[in-house]
Amino acid sequence: MDQTIGRMLILLGLIIVVIGAVFLFSDRIPFIGKLPGDIRIERENFRFYFPLGTSILLSILLTAIFWIISLIGRK
């Protein structure tokens, strides 16, 4: 049981580091926020942005990460 908690803490730490790096370098990552499916409407006094494609990609990535964590937790 102690090894499982240790592994999960290490994995959680790695995930936090990756998320921090994404936030830190998000302006340098060319495809974040500019994926097909992202909705952007710009008018003279109005700007609307809905990152639908980016949201779907993040949802898939987070689902995979939590699935891997659940597999590790079972052992």
C-alpha atoms as a PDB file:
ATOM      1  CA  MET A   1       0.000   0.000   0.000  1.00  0.00           C
ATOM      2  CA  ASP A   2       2.826   2.438   0.774  1.00  0.00           C
ATOM      3  CA  GLN A   3       4.372   1.831  -2.636  1.00  0.00           C
ATOM      4  CA  THR A   4       1.070   2.564  -4.351  1.00  0.00           C
ATOM      5  CA  ILE A   5       0.707   5.892  -2.557  1.00  0.00           C
ATOM      6  CA  GLY A   6       4.307   6.752  -3.396  1.00  0.00           C
ATOM      7  CA  ARG A   7       3.803   5.975  -7.077  1.00  0.00           C
ATOM      8  CA  MET A   8       0.618   8.008  -7.222  1.00  0.00           C
ATOM      9  CA  LEU A   9       2.322  10.989  -5.564  1.00  0.00           C
ATOM     10  CA  ILE A  10       5.202  10.830  -8.045  1.00  0.00           C
ATOM     11  CA  LEU A  11       2.752  10.607 -10.947  1.00  0.00           C
ATOM     12  CA  LEU A  12       0.711  13.498  -9.573  1.00  0.00           C
ATOM     13  CA  GLY A  13       3.889  15.562  -9.235  1.00  0.00           C
ATOM     14  CA  LEU A  14       4.845  14.840 -12.837  1.00  0.00           C
ATOM     15  CA  ILE A  15       1.381  15.812 -14.024  1.00  0.00           C
ATOM     16  CA  ILE A  16       1.591  19.099 -12.112  1.00  0.00           C
ATOM     17  CA  VAL A  17       5.012  19.820 -13.647  1.00  0.00           C
ATOM     18  CA  VAL A  18       3.680  19.153 -17.153  1.00  0.00           C
ATOM     19  CA  ILE A  19       0.630  21.367 -16.582  1.00  0.00           C
ATOM     20  CA  GLY A  20       2.893  24.121 -15.225  1.00  0.00           C
ATOM     21  CA  ALA A  21       5.152  23.865 -18.262  1.00  0.00           C
ATOM     22  CA  VAL A  22       2.150  24.108 -20.589  1.00  0.00           C
ATOM     23  CA  PHE A  23       0.998  27.284 -18.833  1.00  0.00           C
ATOM     24  CA  LEU A  24       4.522  28.699 -18.867  1.00  0.00           C
ATOM     25  CA  PHE A  25       5.176  28.016 -22.551  1.00  0.00           C
ATOM     26  CA  SER A  26       1.602  28.180 -23.900  1.00  0.00           C
ATOM     27  CA  ASP A  27       2.359  31.253 -25.999  1.00  0.00           C
ATOM     28  CA  ARG A  28       5.211  29.346 -27.677  1.00  0.00           C
ATOM     29  CA  ILE A  29       3.181  26.205 -28.434  1.00  0.00           C
ATOM     30  CA  PRO A  30       1.749  26.959 -31.892  1.00  0.00           C
ATOM     31  CA  PHE A  31      -1.338  24.712 -31.875  1.00  0.00           C
ATOM     32  CA  ILE A  32      -2.801  25.508 -28.442  1.00  0.00           C
ATOM     33  CA  GLY A  33      -5.869  27.658 -29.001  1.00  0.00           C
ATOM     34  CA  LYS A  34      -5.592  27.496 -32.780  1.00  0.00           C
ATOM     35  CA  LEU A  35      -6.890  24.023 -33.502  1.00  0.00           C
ATOM     36  CA  PRO A  36      -9.543  23.277 -36.104  1.00  0.00           C
ATOM     37  CA  GLY A  37     -12.868  23.609 -34.352  1.00  0.00           C
ATOM     38  CA  ASP A  38     -11.852  26.563 -32.196  1.00  0.00           C
ATOM     39  CA  ILE A  39     -14.456  29.274 -32.717  1.00  0.00           C
ATOM     40  CA  ARG A  40     -13.230  32.849 -33.048  1.00  0.00           C
ATOM     41  CA  ILE A  41     -15.462  35.788 -33.958  1.00  0.00           C
ATOM     42  CA  GLU A  42     -13.967  39.275 -34.051  1.00  0.00           C
ATOM     43  CA  ARG A  43     -15.935  42.407 -34.840  1.00  0.00           C
ATOM     44  CA  GLU A  44     -15.223  46.082 -34.313  1.00  0.00           C
ATOM     45  CA  ASN A  45     -16.315  46.251 -30.661  1.00  0.00           C
ATOM     46  CA  PHE A  46     -16.817  42.558 -29.983  1.00  0.00           C
ATOM     47  CA  ARG A  47     -14.533  39.576 -29.594  1.00  0.00           C
ATOM     48  CA  PHE A  48     -15.732  36.016 -28.931  1.00  0.00           C
ATOM     49  CA  TYR A  49     -13.483  32.989 -28.574  1.00  0.00           C
ATOM     50  CA  PHE A  50     -14.546  29.455 -27.725  1.00  0.00           C
ATOM     51  CA  PRO A  51     -11.735  26.850 -27.865  1.00  0.00           C
ATOM     52  CA  LEU A  52     -13.879  23.821 -28.751  1.00  0.00           C
ATOM     53  CA  GLY A  53     -11.112  21.836 -30.491  1.00  0.00           C
ATOM     54  CA  THR A  54      -8.626  22.585 -27.713  1.00  0.00           C
ATOM     55  CA  SER A  55     -11.203  21.573 -25.084  1.00  0.00           C
ATOM     56  CA  ILE A  56     -11.799  18.236 -26.806  1.00  0.00           C
ATOM     57  CA  LEU A  57      -8.048  17.579 -27.029  1.00  0.00           C
ATOM     58  CA  LEU A  58      -7.537  18.399 -23.337  1.00  0.00           C
ATOM     59  CA  SER A  59     -10.488  16.194 -22.412  1.00  0.00           C
ATOM     60  CA  ILE A  60      -8.967  13.245 -24.279  1.00  0.00           C
ATOM     61  CA  LEU A  61      -5.561  13.814 -22.656  1.00  0.00           C
ATOM     62  CA  LEU A  62      -7.000  14.111 -19.141  1.00  0.00           C
ATOM     63  CA  THR A  63      -9.136  11.004 -19.669  1.00  0.00           C
ATOM     64  CA  ALA A  64      -6.028   9.049 -20.697  1.00  0.00           C
ATOM     65  CA  ILE A  65      -4.062  10.355 -17.696  1.00  0.00           C
ATOM     66  CA  PHE A  66      -6.804   9.437 -15.210  1.00  0.00           C
ATOM     67  CA  TRP A  67      -7.237   6.041 -16.858  1.00  0.00           C
ATOM     68  CA  ILE A  68      -3.512   5.358 -16.396  1.00  0.00           C
ATOM     69  CA  ILE A  69      -3.726   6.504 -12.772  1.00  0.00           C
ATOM     70  CA  SER A  70      -6.624   4.130 -12.149  1.00  0.00           C
ATOM     71  CA  LEU A  71      -4.619   1.256 -13.648  1.00  0.00           C
ATOM     72  CA  ILE A  72      -1.683   2.050 -11.373  1.00  0.00           C
ATOM     73  CA  GLY A  73      -4.008   2.254  -8.362  1.00  0.00           C
ATOM     74  CA  ARG A  74      -5.372  -1.259  -8.981  1.00  0.00           C
ATOM     75  CA  LYS A  75      -1.995  -2.978  -8.672  1.00  0.00           C
END
